[in-house]
Amino acid sequence: GLVSALLALQAGASASSLFSLPRTYPNISACVNEPI
């Protein structure tokens, strides 16, 4: 049901909104200062 709802939502969404999915990657900006 959730998948069907998402498909319906995407079908009626604007092109720009399709590319605004929430990010899932971590915040690892501090890693640039760590030893490699």
Full PDB file with SEQRES, HELIX, SHEET, SSBOND, CRYST1, ORIGX, SCALE, CONECT and MASTER records, all heavy atoms in Angstrom:
SEQRES   1 A   36  GLY LEU VAL SER ALA LEU LEU ALA LEU GLN ALA GLY ALA          
SEQRES   2 A   36  SER ALA SER SER LEU PHE SER LEU PRO ARG THR TYR PRO          
SEQRES   3 A   36  ASN ILE SER ALA CYS VAL ASN GLU PRO ILE                      
HELIX    1 AA1 LEU A    2  GLY A   12  1                                  11    
HELIX    2 AA2 SER A   17  PHE A   19  5                                   3    
HELIX    3 AA3 SER A   29  ASN A   33  5                                   5    
CRYST1    1.000    1.000    1.000  90.00  90.00  90.00 P 1           1          
ORIGX1      1.000000  0.000000  0.000000        0.00000                         
ORIGX2      0.000000  1.000000  0.000000        0.00000                         
ORIGX3      0.000000  0.000000  1.000000        0.00000                         
SCALE1      1.000000  0.000000  0.000000        0.00000                         
SCALE2      0.000000  1.000000  0.000000        0.00000                         
SCALE3      0.000000  0.000000  1.000000        0.00000                         
ATOM      1  N   GLY A   1       0.811  -1.210   0.000  1.00  0.00           N  
ATOM      2  CA  GLY A   1       0.000   0.000   0.000  1.00  0.00           C  
ATOM      3  C   GLY A   1       0.838   1.250   0.000  1.00  0.00           C  
ATOM      4  O   GLY A   1       0.527   2.224  -0.694  1.00  0.00           O  
ATOM      5  N   LEU A   2       1.930   1.219   0.758  1.00  0.00           N  
ATOM      6  CA  LEU A   2       2.816   2.373   0.807  1.00  0.00           C  
ATOM      7  C   LEU A   2       3.501   2.589  -0.535  1.00  0.00           C  
ATOM      8  O   LEU A   2       3.603   3.717  -1.030  1.00  0.00           O  
ATOM      9  CB  LEU A   2       3.862   2.163   1.905  1.00  0.00           C  
ATOM     10  CG  LEU A   2       4.887   3.283   2.106  1.00  0.00           C  
ATOM     11  CD1 LEU A   2       4.189   4.619   2.347  1.00  0.00           C  
ATOM     12  CD2 LEU A   2       5.809   2.937   3.270  1.00  0.00           C  
ATOM     13  N   VAL A   3       3.941   1.500  -1.133  1.00  0.00           N  
ATOM     14  CA  VAL A   3       4.580   1.612  -2.445  1.00  0.00           C  
ATOM     15  C   VAL A   3       3.599   2.148  -3.479  1.00  0.00           C  
ATOM     16  O   VAL A   3       3.932   3.011  -4.297  1.00  0.00           O  
ATOM     17  CB  VAL A   3       5.148   0.243  -2.874  1.00  0.00           C  
ATOM     18  CG1 VAL A   3       5.594   0.291  -4.328  1.00  0.00           C  
ATOM     19  CG2 VAL A   3       6.319  -0.154  -1.978  1.00  0.00           C  
ATOM     20  N   SER A   4       2.358   1.654  -3.455  1.00  0.00           N  
ATOM     21  CA  SER A   4       1.342   2.127  -4.400  1.00  0.00           C  
ATOM     22  C   SER A   4       1.074   3.620  -4.210  1.00  0.00           C  
ATOM     23  O   SER A   4       0.934   4.368  -5.184  1.00  0.00           O  
ATOM     24  CB  SER A   4       0.045   1.345  -4.205  1.00  0.00           C  
ATOM     25  OG  SER A   4       0.241  -0.020  -4.485  1.00  0.00           O  
ATOM     26  N   ALA A   5       1.042   4.047  -2.960  1.00  0.00           N  
ATOM     27  CA  ALA A   5       0.808   5.461  -2.687  1.00  0.00           C  
ATOM     28  C   ALA A   5       1.946   6.317  -3.211  1.00  0.00           C  
ATOM     29  O   ALA A   5       1.731   7.390  -3.788  1.00  0.00           O  
ATOM     30  CB  ALA A   5       0.635   5.672  -1.180  1.00  0.00           C  
ATOM     31  N   LEU A   6       3.162   5.819  -3.039  1.00  0.00           N  
ATOM     32  CA  LEU A   6       4.321   6.572  -3.533  1.00  0.00           C  
ATOM     33  C   LEU A   6       4.311   6.649  -5.058  1.00  0.00           C  
ATOM     34  O   LEU A   6       4.642   7.676  -5.651  1.00  0.00           O  
ATOM     35  CB  LEU A   6       5.615   5.919  -3.040  1.00  0.00           C  
ATOM     36  CG  LEU A   6       6.011   6.256  -1.598  1.00  0.00           C  
ATOM     37  CD1 LEU A   6       7.104   5.312  -1.122  1.00  0.00           C  
ATOM     38  CD2 LEU A   6       6.485   7.701  -1.500  1.00  0.00           C  
ATOM     39  N   LEU A   7       3.948   5.542  -5.697  1.00  0.00           N  
ATOM     40  CA  LEU A   7       3.885   5.551  -7.157  1.00  0.00           C  
ATOM     41  C   LEU A   7       2.852   6.565  -7.643  1.00  0.00           C  
ATOM     42  O   LEU A   7       3.095   7.306  -8.602  1.00  0.00           O  
ATOM     43  CB  LEU A   7       3.544   4.159  -7.668  1.00  0.00           C  
ATOM     44  CG  LEU A   7       4.673   3.119  -7.599  1.00  0.00           C  
ATOM     45  CD1 LEU A   7       4.123   1.733  -7.886  1.00  0.00           C  
ATOM     46  CD2 LEU A   7       5.771   3.480  -8.592  1.00  0.00           C  
ATOM     47  N   ALA A   8       1.705   6.617  -6.988  1.00  0.00           N  
ATOM     48  CA  ALA A   8       0.669   7.569  -7.370  1.00  0.00           C  
ATOM     49  C   ALA A   8       1.138   8.998  -7.137  1.00  0.00           C  
ATOM     50  O   ALA A   8       0.895   9.892  -7.952  1.00  0.00           O  
ATOM     51  CB  ALA A   8      -0.602   7.294  -6.562  1.00  0.00           C  
ATOM     52  N   LEU A   9       1.850   9.185  -6.032  1.00  0.00           N  
ATOM     53  CA  LEU A   9       2.366  10.518  -5.722  1.00  0.00           C  
ATOM     54  C   LEU A   9       3.367  10.960  -6.769  1.00  0.00           C  
ATOM     55  O   LEU A   9       3.329  12.095  -7.268  1.00  0.00           O  
ATOM     56  CB  LEU A   9       3.025  10.500  -4.331  1.00  0.00           C  
ATOM     57  CG  LEU A   9       3.667  11.804  -3.858  1.00  0.00           C  
ATOM     58  CD1 LEU A   9       2.611  12.885  -3.720  1.00  0.00           C  
ATOM     59  CD2 LEU A   9       4.389  11.588  -2.528  1.00  0.00           C  
ATOM     60  N   GLN A  10       4.255  10.032  -7.143  1.00  0.00           N  
ATOM     61  CA  GLN A  10       5.261  10.379  -8.139  1.00  0.00           C  
ATOM     62  C   GLN A  10       4.623  10.641  -9.498  1.00  0.00           C  
ATOM     63  O   GLN A  10       5.061  11.509 -10.245  1.00  0.00           O  
ATOM     64  CB  GLN A  10       6.303   9.263  -8.244  1.00  0.00           C  
ATOM     65  CG  GLN A  10       7.218   9.192  -7.030  1.00  0.00           C  
ATOM     66  CD  GLN A  10       8.408   8.279  -7.270  1.00  0.00           C  
ATOM     67  OE1 GLN A  10       8.472   7.584  -8.280  1.00  0.00           O  
ATOM     68  NE2 GLN A  10       9.344   8.297  -6.351  1.00  0.00           N  
ATOM     69  N   ALA A  11       3.587   9.881  -9.820  1.00  0.00           N  
ATOM     70  CA  ALA A  11       2.947  10.048 -11.127  1.00  0.00           C  
ATOM     71  C   ALA A  11       2.361  11.447 -11.274  1.00  0.00           C  
ATOM     72  O   ALA A  11       2.335  12.016 -12.366  1.00  0.00           O  
ATOM     73  CB  ALA A  11       1.860   8.989 -11.301  1.00  0.00           C  
ATOM     74  N   GLY A  12       1.901  12.023 -10.167  1.00  0.00           N  
ATOM     75  CA  GLY A  12       1.280  13.337 -10.247  1.00  0.00           C  
ATOM     76  C   GLY A  12       2.195  14.478  -9.860  1.00  0.00           C  
ATOM     77  O   GLY A  12       1.779  15.635  -9.853  1.00  0.00           O  
ATOM     78  N   ALA A  13       3.433  14.154  -9.532  1.00  0.00           N  
ATOM     79  CA  ALA A  13       4.355  15.197  -9.077  1.00  0.00           C  
ATOM     80  C   ALA A  13       5.019  15.901 -10.253  1.00  0.00           C  
ATOM     81  O   ALA A  13       5.089  15.390 -11.363  1.00  0.00           O  
ATOM     82  CB  ALA A  13       5.411  14.575  -8.181  1.00  0.00           C  
ATOM     83  N   SER A  14       5.511  17.076  -9.986  1.00  0.00           N  
ATOM     84  CA  SER A  14       6.269  17.806 -10.998  1.00  0.00           C  
ATOM     85  C   SER A  14       7.633  17.163 -11.157  1.00  0.00           C  
ATOM     86  O   SER A  14       8.111  16.444 -10.283  1.00  0.00           O  
ATOM     87  CB  SER A  14       6.448  19.262 -10.569  1.00  0.00           C  
ATOM     88  OG  SER A  14       7.260  19.337  -9.421  1.00  0.00           O  
ATOM     89  N   ALA A  15       8.284  17.424 -12.283  1.00  0.00           N  
ATOM     90  CA  ALA A  15       9.597  16.840 -12.546  1.00  0.00           C  
ATOM     91  C   ALA A  15      10.608  17.238 -11.491  1.00  0.00           C  
ATOM     92  O   ALA A  15      11.428  16.441 -11.042  1.00  0.00           O  
ATOM     93  CB  ALA A  15      10.085  17.273 -13.933  1.00  0.00           C  
ATOM     94  N   SER A  16      10.552  18.473 -11.034  1.00  0.00           N  
ATOM     95  CA  SER A  16      11.535  18.939 -10.056  1.00  0.00           C  
ATOM     96  C   SER A  16      11.364  18.241  -8.717  1.00  0.00           C  
ATOM     97  O   SER A  16      12.336  17.922  -8.034  1.00  0.00           O  
ATOM     98  CB  SER A  16      11.418  20.456  -9.868  1.00  0.00           C  
ATOM     99  OG  SER A  16      10.129  20.805  -9.388  1.00  0.00           O  
ATOM    100  N   SER A  17      10.130  17.950  -8.342  1.00  0.00           N  
ATOM    101  CA  SER A  17       9.907  17.325  -7.039  1.00  0.00           C  
ATOM    102  C   SER A  17      10.371  15.883  -7.014  1.00  0.00           C  
ATOM    103  O   SER A  17      10.665  15.340  -5.953  1.00  0.00           O  
ATOM    104  CB  SER A  17       8.432  17.403  -6.658  1.00  0.00           C  
ATOM    105  OG  SER A  17       7.652  16.582  -7.508  1.00  0.00           O  
ATOM    106  N   LEU A  18      10.447  15.253  -8.175  1.00  0.00           N  
ATOM    107  CA  LEU A  18      10.905  13.875  -8.219  1.00  0.00           C  
ATOM    108  C   LEU A  18      12.364  13.760  -7.815  1.00  0.00           C  
ATOM    109  O   LEU A  18      12.834  12.692  -7.445  1.00  0.00           O  
ATOM    110  CB  LEU A  18      10.715  13.293  -9.629  1.00  0.00           C  
ATOM    111  CG  LEU A  18       9.274  13.122 -10.101  1.00  0.00           C  
ATOM    112  CD1 LEU A  18       9.258  12.546 -11.496  1.00  0.00           C  
ATOM    113  CD2 LEU A  18       8.491  12.235  -9.155  1.00  0.00           C  
ATOM    114  N   PHE A  19      13.105  14.845  -7.910  1.00  0.00           N  
ATOM    115  CA  PHE A  19      14.522  14.819  -7.596  1.00  0.00           C  
ATOM    116  C   PHE A  19      14.801  15.450  -6.240  1.00  0.00           C  
ATOM    117  O   PHE A  19      15.904  15.900  -5.978  1.00  0.00           O  
ATOM    118  CB  PHE A  19      15.312  15.523  -8.702  1.00  0.00           C  
ATOM    119  CG  PHE A  19      15.196  14.819 -10.023  1.00  0.00           C  
ATOM    120  CD1 PHE A  19      14.264  15.220 -10.965  1.00  0.00           C  
ATOM    121  CD2 PHE A  19      15.994  13.717 -10.318  1.00  0.00           C  
ATOM    122  CE1 PHE A  19      14.148  14.552 -12.183  1.00  0.00           C  
ATOM    123  CE2 PHE A  19      15.882  13.044 -11.525  1.00  0.00           C  
ATOM    124  CZ  PHE A  19      14.954  13.468 -12.461  1.00  0.00           C  
ATOM    125  N   SER A  20      13.843  15.487  -5.374  1.00  0.00           N  
ATOM    126  CA  SER A  20      14.030  16.062  -4.049  1.00  0.00           C  
ATOM    127  C   SER A  20      13.805  15.021  -2.961  1.00  0.00           C  
ATOM    128  O   SER A  20      13.276  15.322  -1.907  1.00  0.00           O  
ATOM    129  CB  SER A  20      13.081  17.251  -3.848  1.00  0.00           C  
ATOM    130  OG  SER A  20      11.727  16.831  -3.975  1.00  0.00           O  
ATOM    131  N   LEU A  21      14.196  13.783  -3.253  1.00  0.00           N  
ATOM    132  CA  LEU A  21      14.088  12.732  -2.256  1.00  0.00           C  
ATOM    133  C   LEU A  21      15.058  13.029  -1.120  1.00  0.00           C  
ATOM    134  O   LEU A  21      16.132  13.587  -1.331  1.00  0.00           O  
ATOM    135  CB  LEU A  21      14.424  11.376  -2.875  1.00  0.00           C  
ATOM    136  CG  LEU A  21      13.525  10.904  -4.021  1.00  0.00           C  
ATOM    137  CD1 LEU A  21      14.037   9.584  -4.572  1.00  0.00           C  
ATOM    138  CD2 LEU A  21      12.089  10.756  -3.551  1.00  0.00           C  
ATOM    139  N   PRO A  22      14.715  12.656   0.103  1.00  0.00           N  
ATOM    140  CA  PRO A  22      15.614  12.916   1.228  1.00  0.00           C  
ATOM    141  C   PRO A  22      16.928  12.172   1.072  1.00  0.00           C  
ATOM    142  O   PRO A  22      16.961  11.036   0.587  1.00  0.00           O  
ATOM    143  CB  PRO A  22      14.821  12.419   2.435  1.00  0.00           C  
ATOM    144  CG  PRO A  22      13.809  11.467   1.878  1.00  0.00           C  
ATOM    145  CD  PRO A  22      13.474  11.994   0.523  1.00  0.00           C  
ATOM    146  N   ARG A  23      18.010  12.801   1.477  1.00  0.00           N  
ATOM    147  CA  ARG A  23      19.323  12.170   1.364  1.00  0.00           C  
ATOM    148  C   ARG A  23      19.455  11.071   2.412  1.00  0.00           C  
ATOM    149  O   ARG A  23      18.792  11.086   3.448  1.00  0.00           O  
ATOM    150  CB  ARG A  23      20.432  13.201   1.556  1.00  0.00           C  
ATOM    151  CG  ARG A  23      20.527  13.772   2.978  1.00  0.00           C  
ATOM    152  CD  ARG A  23      21.740  14.684   3.112  1.00  0.00           C  
ATOM    153  NE  ARG A  23      21.856  15.267   4.437  1.00  0.00           N  
ATOM    154  CZ  ARG A  23      22.400  14.668   5.484  1.00  0.00           C  
ATOM    155  NH1 ARG A  23      22.848  13.436   5.362  1.00  0.00           N  
ATOM    156  NH2 ARG A  23      22.490  15.282   6.660  1.00  0.00           N  
ATOM    157  N   THR A  24      20.331  10.121   2.145  1.00  0.00           N  
ATOM    158  CA  THR A  24      20.572   9.061   3.120  1.00  0.00           C  
ATOM    159  C   THR A  24      22.043   8.967   3.511  1.00  0.00           C  
ATOM    160  O   THR A  24      22.379   8.238   4.441  1.00  0.00           O  
ATOM    161  CB  THR A  24      20.131   7.692   2.569  1.00  0.00           C  
ATOM    162  OG1 THR A  24      20.817   7.419   1.353  1.00  0.00           O  
ATOM    163  CG2 THR A  24      18.628   7.679   2.321  1.00  0.00           C  
ATOM    164  N   TYR A  25      22.914   9.685   2.848  1.00  0.00           N  
ATOM    165  CA  TYR A  25      24.349   9.560   3.147  1.00  0.00           C  
ATOM    166  C   TYR A  25      24.681  10.230   4.484  1.00  0.00           C  
ATOM    167  O   TYR A  25      23.974  11.119   4.952  1.00  0.00           O  
ATOM    168  CB  TYR A  25      25.189  10.162   2.022  1.00  0.00           C  
ATOM    169  CG  TYR A  25      24.840  11.590   1.642  1.00  0.00           C  
ATOM    170  CD1 TYR A  25      25.338  12.664   2.365  1.00  0.00           C  
ATOM    171  CD2 TYR A  25      24.027  11.856   0.552  1.00  0.00           C  
ATOM    172  CE1 TYR A  25      25.025  13.971   2.022  1.00  0.00           C  
ATOM    173  CE2 TYR A  25      23.702  13.151   0.203  1.00  0.00           C  
ATOM    174  CZ  TYR A  25      24.208  14.203   0.940  1.00  0.00           C  
ATOM    175  OH  TYR A  25      23.891  15.499   0.602  1.00  0.00           O  
ATOM    176  N   PRO A  26      25.785   9.803   5.124  1.00  0.00           N  
ATOM    177  CA  PRO A  26      26.162  10.350   6.427  1.00  0.00           C  
ATOM    178  C   PRO A  26      26.838  11.708   6.286  1.00  0.00           C  
ATOM    179  O   PRO A  26      27.184  12.154   5.189  1.00  0.00           O  
ATOM    180  CB  PRO A  26      27.139   9.308   6.968  1.00  0.00           C  
ATOM    181  CG  PRO A  26      27.783   8.750   5.734  1.00  0.00           C  
ATOM    182  CD  PRO A  26      26.677   8.721   4.696  1.00  0.00           C  
ATOM    183  N   ASN A  27      27.043  12.353   7.414  1.00  0.00           N  
ATOM    184  CA  ASN A  27      27.782  13.615   7.460  1.00  0.00           C  
ATOM    185  C   ASN A  27      29.218  13.296   7.858  1.00  0.00           C  
ATOM    186  O   ASN A  27      29.526  13.146   9.046  1.00  0.00           O  
ATOM    187  CB  ASN A  27      27.140  14.560   8.475  1.00  0.00           C  
ATOM    188  CG  ASN A  27      27.831  15.917   8.524  1.00  0.00           C  
ATOM    189  OD1 ASN A  27      28.912  16.091   7.986  1.00  0.00           O  
ATOM    190  ND2 ASN A  27      27.201  16.883   9.181  1.00  0.00           N  
ATOM    191  N   ILE A  28      30.096  13.159   6.879  1.00  0.00           N  
ATOM    192  CA  ILE A  28      31.477  12.768   7.158  1.00  0.00           C  
ATOM    193  C   ILE A  28      32.455  13.862   6.724  1.00  0.00           C  
ATOM    194  O   ILE A  28      33.599  13.586   6.365  1.00  0.00           O  
ATOM    195  CB  ILE A  28      31.822  11.431   6.477  1.00  0.00           C  
ATOM    196  CG1 ILE A  28      31.476  11.449   4.989  1.00  0.00           C  
ATOM    197  CG2 ILE A  28      31.106  10.268   7.169  1.00  0.00           C  
ATOM    198  CD1 ILE A  28      31.912  10.183   4.244  1.00  0.00           C  
ATOM    199  N   SER A  29      32.015  15.100   6.784  1.00  0.00           N  
ATOM    200  CA  SER A  29      32.885  16.211   6.388  1.00  0.00           C  
ATOM    201  C   SER A  29      34.142  16.276   7.240  1.00  0.00           C  
ATOM    202  O   SER A  29      35.208  16.702   6.767  1.00  0.00           O  
ATOM    203  CB  SER A  29      32.113  17.534   6.465  1.00  0.00           C  
ATOM    204  OG  SER A  29      31.588  17.731   7.770  1.00  0.00           O  
ATOM    205  N   ALA A  30      34.056  15.853   8.508  1.00  0.00           N  
ATOM    206  CA  ALA A  30      35.222  15.894   9.393  1.00  0.00           C  
ATOM    207  C   ALA A  30      36.291  14.890   8.986  1.00  0.00           C  
ATOM    208  O   ALA A  30      37.450  14.998   9.417  1.00  0.00           O  
ATOM    209  CB  ALA A  30      34.788  15.639  10.832  1.00  0.00           C  
ATOM    210  N   CYS A  31      35.940  13.927   8.144  1.00  0.00           N  
ATOM    211  CA  CYS A  31      36.893  12.879   7.781  1.00  0.00           C  
ATOM    212  C   CYS A  31      38.042  13.398   6.916  1.00  0.00           C  
ATOM    213  O   CYS A  31      39.085  12.735   6.816  1.00  0.00           O  
ATOM    214  CB  CYS A  31      36.166  11.740   7.059  1.00  0.00           C  
ATOM    215  SG  CYS A  31      34.945  10.892   8.102  1.00  0.00           S  
ATOM    216  N   VAL A  32      37.868  14.559   6.290  1.00  0.00           N  
ATOM    217  CA  VAL A  32      38.951  15.088   5.453  1.00  0.00           C  
ATOM    218  C   VAL A  32      40.173  15.441   6.287  1.00  0.00           C  
ATOM    219  O   VAL A  32      41.286  15.561   5.747  1.00  0.00           O  
ATOM    220  CB  VAL A  32      38.484  16.326   4.654  1.00  0.00           C  
ATOM    221  CG1 VAL A  32      37.343  15.957   3.723  1.00  0.00           C  
ATOM    222  CG2 VAL A  32      38.064  17.459   5.577  1.00  0.00           C  
ATOM    223  N   ASN A  33      39.996  15.577   7.594  1.00  0.00           N  
ATOM    224  CA  ASN A  33      41.114  15.926   8.469  1.00  0.00           C  
ATOM    225  C   ASN A  33      41.706  14.715   9.183  1.00  0.00           C  
ATOM    226  O   ASN A  33      42.631  14.865   9.991  1.00  0.00           O  
ATOM    227  CB  ASN A  33      40.645  16.942   9.522  1.00  0.00           C  
ATOM    228  CG  ASN A  33      40.161  18.236   8.900  1.00  0.00           C  
ATOM    229  OD1 ASN A  33      40.791  18.766   7.990  1.00  0.00           O  
ATOM    230  ND2 ASN A  33      39.025  18.734   9.371  1.00  0.00           N  
ATOM    231  N   GLU A  34      41.177  13.531   8.886  1.00  0.00           N  
ATOM    232  CA  GLU A  34      41.664  12.316   9.530  1.00  0.00           C  
ATOM    233  C   GLU A  34      42.804  11.692   8.727  1.00  0.00           C  
ATOM    234  O   GLU A  34      42.873  11.854   7.503  1.00  0.00           O  
ATOM    235  CB  GLU A  34      40.522  11.299   9.667  1.00  0.00           C  
ATOM    236  CG  GLU A  34      39.404  11.726  10.609  1.00  0.00           C  
ATOM    237  CD  GLU A  34      39.884  11.837  12.031  1.00  0.00           C  
ATOM    238  OE1 GLU A  34      40.561  10.903  12.518  1.00  0.00           O  
ATOM    239  OE2 GLU A  34      39.579  12.868  12.674  1.00  0.00           O  
ATOM    240  N   PRO A  35      43.702  10.967   9.394  1.00  0.00           N  
ATOM    241  CA  PRO A  35      44.766  10.254   8.669  1.00  0.00           C  
ATOM    242  C   PRO A  35      44.173   9.271   7.668  1.00  0.00           C  
ATOM    243  O   PRO A  35      43.141   8.646   7.930  1.00  0.00           O  
ATOM    244  CB  PRO A  35      45.513   9.515   9.785  1.00  0.00           C  
ATOM    245  CG  PRO A  35      45.188  10.257  11.036  1.00  0.00           C  
ATOM    246  CD  PRO A  35      43.793  10.782  10.855  1.00  0.00           C  
ATOM    247  N   ILE A  36      44.798   9.138   6.513  1.00  0.00           N  
ATOM    248  CA  ILE A  36      44.320   8.240   5.468  1.00  0.00           C  
ATOM    249  C   ILE A  36      44.998   6.886   5.631  1.00  0.00           C  
ATOM    250  O   ILE A  36      46.222   6.772   5.476  1.00  0.00           O  
ATOM    251  CB  ILE A  36      44.586   8.824   4.065  1.00  0.00           C  
ATOM    252  CG1 ILE A  36      43.839  10.153   3.888  1.00  0.00           C  
ATOM    253  CG2 ILE A  36      44.164   7.831   2.987  1.00  0.00           C  
ATOM    254  CD1 ILE A  36      44.118  10.833   2.573  1.00  0.00           C  
TER     255      ILE A  36                                                      
MASTER        0    0    0    3    0    0    0    6  254    1    0    3          
END                                                                             
